[in-house]
N, C-alpha and C. Protein backbone atom coordinates (compact mmCIF):
# COMPACT_ATOMS: atom_id res chain seq x y z
N MET A 1 75.10 103.82 131.58
CA MET A 1 75.33 103.44 130.19
C MET A 1 76.82 103.59 129.86
N SER A 2 77.38 102.58 129.30
CA SER A 2 78.78 102.59 128.95
C SER A 2 79.03 103.44 127.71
N THR A 3 80.14 104.15 127.70
CA THR A 3 80.52 104.92 126.53
C THR A 3 81.48 104.14 125.64
N ALA A 4 81.79 102.92 126.04
CA ALA A 4 82.67 102.06 125.25
C ALA A 4 81.87 101.26 124.24
N THR A 5 82.50 100.95 123.13
CA THR A 5 81.90 100.16 122.06
C THR A 5 82.26 98.70 122.26
N GLU A 6 81.27 97.82 122.24
CA GLU A 6 81.56 96.40 122.32
C GLU A 6 82.13 95.94 120.99
N LEU A 7 83.31 95.34 121.04
CA LEU A 7 83.95 94.87 119.82
C LEU A 7 83.85 93.35 119.72
N THR A 8 83.48 92.89 118.54
CA THR A 8 83.38 91.46 118.26
C THR A 8 84.16 91.17 116.98
N SER A 9 84.28 89.91 116.64
CA SER A 9 84.99 89.56 115.40
C SER A 9 84.27 90.16 114.19
N GLU A 10 82.97 90.42 114.32
CA GLU A 10 82.21 90.98 113.20
C GLU A 10 82.51 92.46 112.95
N ASN A 11 82.68 93.25 114.02
CA ASN A 11 82.85 94.69 113.82
C ASN A 11 84.27 95.19 114.11
N PHE A 12 85.15 94.35 114.60
CA PHE A 12 86.47 94.78 115.06
C PHE A 12 87.24 95.54 113.98
N ASP A 13 87.42 94.93 112.82
CA ASP A 13 88.24 95.54 111.78
C ASP A 13 87.68 96.87 111.31
N SER A 14 86.37 96.96 111.18
CA SER A 14 85.78 98.23 110.71
C SER A 14 85.94 99.34 111.74
N VAL A 15 85.90 99.00 113.03
CA VAL A 15 86.04 100.01 114.08
C VAL A 15 87.48 100.51 114.16
N ILE A 16 88.46 99.60 114.08
CA ILE A 16 89.85 100.02 114.27
C ILE A 16 90.52 100.53 113.00
N SER A 17 89.88 100.37 111.85
CA SER A 17 90.55 100.68 110.58
C SER A 17 90.84 102.16 110.39
N GLN A 18 90.04 103.03 110.99
CA GLN A 18 90.26 104.47 110.82
C GLN A 18 90.24 105.17 112.17
N GLY A 19 91.14 106.13 112.33
CA GLY A 19 91.17 106.90 113.56
C GLY A 19 91.91 106.18 114.67
N LEU A 20 91.69 106.64 115.87
CA LEU A 20 92.38 106.13 117.05
C LEU A 20 91.41 105.34 117.92
N THR A 21 91.81 104.12 118.27
CA THR A 21 90.97 103.25 119.09
C THR A 21 91.79 102.70 120.25
N LEU A 22 91.23 102.80 121.46
CA LEU A 22 91.82 102.17 122.63
C LEU A 22 91.00 100.92 122.90
N VAL A 23 91.62 99.76 122.70
CA VAL A 23 90.92 98.48 122.81
C VAL A 23 91.28 97.82 124.14
N ASP A 24 90.26 97.49 124.91
CA ASP A 24 90.41 96.82 126.20
C ASP A 24 90.02 95.36 126.06
N PHE A 25 90.99 94.46 126.22
CA PHE A 25 90.70 93.03 126.27
C PHE A 25 90.46 92.69 127.73
N TRP A 26 89.26 92.20 128.04
CA TRP A 26 88.82 92.03 129.42
C TRP A 26 87.95 90.79 129.56
N ALA A 27 87.57 90.47 130.81
CA ALA A 27 86.61 89.41 131.09
C ALA A 27 85.78 89.80 132.31
N GLU A 28 84.57 89.30 132.36
CA GLU A 28 83.62 89.59 133.44
C GLU A 28 84.18 89.22 134.81
N TRP A 29 84.93 88.13 134.89
CA TRP A 29 85.43 87.59 136.16
C TRP A 29 86.75 88.22 136.62
N CYS A 30 87.30 89.14 135.83
CA CYS A 30 88.63 89.68 136.07
C CYS A 30 88.57 90.93 136.95
N GLY A 31 89.09 90.83 138.19
CA GLY A 31 89.09 91.95 139.11
C GLY A 31 89.83 93.18 138.59
N PRO A 32 91.07 93.02 138.11
CA PRO A 32 91.79 94.18 137.57
C PRO A 32 91.06 94.82 136.38
N CYS A 33 90.36 94.01 135.60
CA CYS A 33 89.59 94.55 134.47
C CYS A 33 88.50 95.49 134.99
N LYS A 34 87.85 95.08 136.08
CA LYS A 34 86.80 95.92 136.68
C LYS A 34 87.38 97.23 137.21
N MET A 35 88.62 97.16 137.70
CA MET A 35 89.29 98.38 138.18
C MET A 35 89.55 99.36 137.04
N MET A 36 89.74 98.86 135.85
CA MET A 36 90.04 99.71 134.69
C MET A 36 88.79 100.40 134.13
N ASN A 37 87.61 99.85 134.40
CA ASN A 37 86.38 100.40 133.80
C ASN A 37 86.19 101.90 134.03
N PRO A 38 86.30 102.40 135.28
CA PRO A 38 86.11 103.85 135.47
C PRO A 38 87.14 104.69 134.72
N VAL A 39 88.37 104.19 134.65
CA VAL A 39 89.43 104.91 133.93
C VAL A 39 89.08 104.99 132.44
N LEU A 40 88.64 103.87 131.88
CA LEU A 40 88.30 103.84 130.46
C LEU A 40 87.09 104.71 130.15
N GLU A 41 86.12 104.74 131.08
CA GLU A 41 84.96 105.61 130.89
C GLU A 41 85.38 107.09 130.87
N GLU A 42 86.30 107.45 131.77
CA GLU A 42 86.80 108.83 131.80
C GLU A 42 87.55 109.18 130.52
N ILE A 43 88.38 108.26 130.05
CA ILE A 43 89.12 108.48 128.79
C ILE A 43 88.12 108.66 127.64
N ALA A 44 87.09 107.80 127.60
CA ALA A 44 86.10 107.88 126.53
C ALA A 44 85.41 109.25 126.53
N LYS A 45 85.09 109.77 127.70
CA LYS A 45 84.42 111.07 127.80
C LYS A 45 85.36 112.22 127.45
N GLU A 46 86.58 112.16 127.99
CA GLU A 46 87.54 113.25 127.77
C GLU A 46 87.99 113.33 126.31
N TYR A 47 88.07 112.19 125.65
CA TYR A 47 88.55 112.15 124.27
C TYR A 47 87.41 111.86 123.29
N ASP A 48 86.20 112.20 123.68
CA ASP A 48 85.03 111.97 122.83
C ASP A 48 85.24 112.64 121.47
N GLY A 49 85.04 111.87 120.41
CA GLY A 49 85.22 112.39 119.07
C GLY A 49 86.65 112.26 118.57
N LYS A 50 87.59 111.96 119.47
CA LYS A 50 89.00 111.82 119.08
C LYS A 50 89.48 110.39 119.19
N VAL A 51 88.96 109.67 120.21
CA VAL A 51 89.37 108.29 120.46
C VAL A 51 88.13 107.44 120.69
N THR A 52 88.09 106.30 120.02
CA THR A 52 87.03 105.32 120.29
C THR A 52 87.56 104.34 121.33
N VAL A 53 86.80 104.12 122.39
CA VAL A 53 87.18 103.11 123.38
C VAL A 53 86.34 101.87 123.08
N GLY A 54 87.03 100.77 122.83
CA GLY A 54 86.35 99.52 122.52
C GLY A 54 86.72 98.45 123.52
N LYS A 55 85.78 97.53 123.75
CA LYS A 55 86.00 96.45 124.71
C LYS A 55 85.79 95.10 124.03
N VAL A 56 86.77 94.22 124.22
CA VAL A 56 86.70 92.86 123.69
C VAL A 56 86.62 91.90 124.87
N ASN A 57 85.51 91.21 125.00
CA ASN A 57 85.36 90.19 126.05
C ASN A 57 86.07 88.93 125.57
N VAL A 58 87.20 88.60 126.23
CA VAL A 58 88.02 87.48 125.76
C VAL A 58 87.31 86.13 125.90
N ASP A 59 86.34 86.04 126.79
CA ASP A 59 85.58 84.79 126.92
C ASP A 59 84.71 84.55 125.69
N ASN A 60 84.25 85.62 125.06
CA ASN A 60 83.39 85.50 123.88
C ASN A 60 84.16 85.62 122.57
N GLU A 61 85.31 86.28 122.61
CA GLU A 61 86.06 86.59 121.39
C GLU A 61 87.50 86.09 121.51
N GLY A 62 87.65 84.82 121.77
CA GLY A 62 88.97 84.22 121.94
C GLY A 62 89.88 84.38 120.73
N GLU A 63 89.29 84.33 119.54
CA GLU A 63 90.10 84.45 118.32
C GLU A 63 90.78 85.82 118.23
N LEU A 64 90.08 86.88 118.65
CA LEU A 64 90.69 88.21 118.64
C LEU A 64 91.83 88.28 119.65
N ALA A 65 91.63 87.66 120.81
CA ALA A 65 92.69 87.65 121.83
C ALA A 65 93.92 86.93 121.29
N VAL A 66 93.73 85.82 120.61
CA VAL A 66 94.85 85.07 120.04
C VAL A 66 95.52 85.89 118.94
N LYS A 67 94.74 86.53 118.10
CA LYS A 67 95.28 87.33 116.99
C LYS A 67 96.24 88.41 117.49
N PHE A 68 95.95 88.98 118.66
CA PHE A 68 96.78 90.05 119.21
C PHE A 68 97.68 89.57 120.37
N ASN A 69 97.86 88.24 120.46
CA ASN A 69 98.75 87.64 121.47
C ASN A 69 98.44 88.09 122.89
N VAL A 70 97.16 88.19 123.21
CA VAL A 70 96.75 88.59 124.56
C VAL A 70 96.80 87.36 125.46
N SER A 71 97.72 87.38 126.42
CA SER A 71 97.84 86.24 127.33
C SER A 71 97.47 86.62 128.76
N SER A 72 97.43 87.91 129.06
CA SER A 72 97.02 88.41 130.37
C SER A 72 96.00 89.52 130.17
N ILE A 73 95.06 89.61 131.09
CA ILE A 73 94.09 90.69 131.01
C ILE A 73 94.09 91.45 132.33
N PRO A 74 93.78 92.73 132.30
CA PRO A 74 93.44 93.49 131.11
C PRO A 74 94.67 93.79 130.24
N THR A 75 94.47 93.73 128.94
CA THR A 75 95.46 94.19 127.97
C THR A 75 94.79 95.30 127.18
N LEU A 76 95.47 96.43 127.07
CA LEU A 76 94.96 97.57 126.32
C LEU A 76 95.85 97.80 125.12
N LEU A 77 95.24 97.93 123.95
CA LEU A 77 95.98 98.25 122.73
C LEU A 77 95.53 99.61 122.24
N LEU A 78 96.50 100.45 121.91
CA LEU A 78 96.20 101.73 121.29
C LEU A 78 96.47 101.56 119.80
N ILE A 79 95.41 101.64 119.00
CA ILE A 79 95.49 101.35 117.57
C ILE A 79 95.12 102.59 116.77
N LYS A 80 96.01 102.95 115.84
CA LYS A 80 95.75 104.09 114.96
C LYS A 80 95.68 103.58 113.52
N ASP A 81 94.56 103.84 112.88
CA ASP A 81 94.35 103.43 111.49
C ASP A 81 94.72 101.97 111.25
N GLY A 82 94.32 101.11 112.20
CA GLY A 82 94.52 99.67 112.05
C GLY A 82 95.87 99.15 112.51
N GLU A 83 96.79 100.03 112.91
CA GLU A 83 98.14 99.63 113.34
C GLU A 83 98.30 99.84 114.85
N VAL A 84 98.77 98.80 115.55
CA VAL A 84 98.99 98.92 116.99
C VAL A 84 100.14 99.89 117.25
N GLN A 85 99.87 100.91 118.06
CA GLN A 85 100.86 101.93 118.40
C GLN A 85 101.48 101.69 119.77
N ASN A 86 100.69 101.12 120.68
CA ASN A 86 101.15 100.93 122.05
C ASN A 86 100.34 99.81 122.69
N GLN A 87 100.92 99.16 123.69
CA GLN A 87 100.23 98.09 124.41
C GLN A 87 100.51 98.22 125.90
N PHE A 88 99.48 98.00 126.69
CA PHE A 88 99.59 98.03 128.15
C PHE A 88 99.01 96.74 128.69
N VAL A 89 99.71 96.11 129.63
CA VAL A 89 99.21 94.88 130.25
C VAL A 89 99.06 95.14 131.74
N GLY A 90 97.90 94.79 132.27
CA GLY A 90 97.62 95.00 133.68
C GLY A 90 96.96 96.34 133.91
N VAL A 91 96.74 96.65 135.18
CA VAL A 91 96.10 97.92 135.54
C VAL A 91 97.04 99.05 135.13
N THR A 92 96.50 100.01 134.38
CA THR A 92 97.30 101.11 133.85
C THR A 92 96.69 102.42 134.30
N SER A 93 97.53 103.36 134.68
CA SER A 93 97.01 104.64 135.16
C SER A 93 96.42 105.47 134.03
N LYS A 94 95.48 106.31 134.39
CA LYS A 94 94.87 107.22 133.43
C LYS A 94 95.94 108.12 132.82
N GLY A 95 96.88 108.57 133.65
CA GLY A 95 97.95 109.43 133.17
C GLY A 95 98.79 108.77 132.09
N ASP A 96 99.13 107.50 132.29
CA ASP A 96 99.92 106.77 131.30
C ASP A 96 99.15 106.61 129.99
N LEU A 97 97.86 106.32 130.09
CA LEU A 97 97.04 106.18 128.89
C LEU A 97 96.92 107.51 128.15
N LYS A 98 96.71 108.58 128.89
CA LYS A 98 96.60 109.91 128.27
C LYS A 98 97.90 110.30 127.58
N LYS A 99 99.05 110.01 128.21
CA LYS A 99 100.35 110.31 127.58
C LYS A 99 100.48 109.57 126.26
N ALA A 100 100.10 108.31 126.25
CA ALA A 100 100.22 107.51 125.03
C ALA A 100 99.28 108.02 123.94
N ILE A 101 98.06 108.37 124.33
CA ILE A 101 97.10 108.91 123.36
C ILE A 101 97.59 110.24 122.81
N ASP A 102 98.04 111.11 123.70
CA ASP A 102 98.52 112.42 123.27
C ASP A 102 99.74 112.32 122.37
N ALA A 103 100.62 111.35 122.63
CA ALA A 103 101.82 111.16 121.80
C ALA A 103 101.44 110.74 120.38
N VAL A 104 100.40 109.93 120.25
CA VAL A 104 99.98 109.45 118.93
C VAL A 104 99.18 110.52 118.19
N THR A 105 98.48 111.37 118.91
CA THR A 105 97.64 112.38 118.26
C THR A 105 98.38 113.70 118.03
N ALA A 106 99.57 113.84 118.61
CA ALA A 106 100.31 115.11 118.48
C ALA A 106 100.83 115.32 117.08
């Protein structure tokens, strides 16, 4: 069972509007996206209650990808109270993600 929240155009704004959200723009066919899944699951567990991990399937939610200028996947956005704080494109290490999360929550 995934600990990530599926984000769609219907729930996106309400999920990211408060607190800290790590949003993964991904696709089923994307190899690097699949490589990020275990890392994101670990982040979701380690930061449970502090960070929401959300996933946007770009094949189903193209408008959200366009809204955030996502041209390559995986793209990860760190959003605090509705404002993008950091962006990562491509496979990103758990350490780099944790540093970015800790910097925003410090």
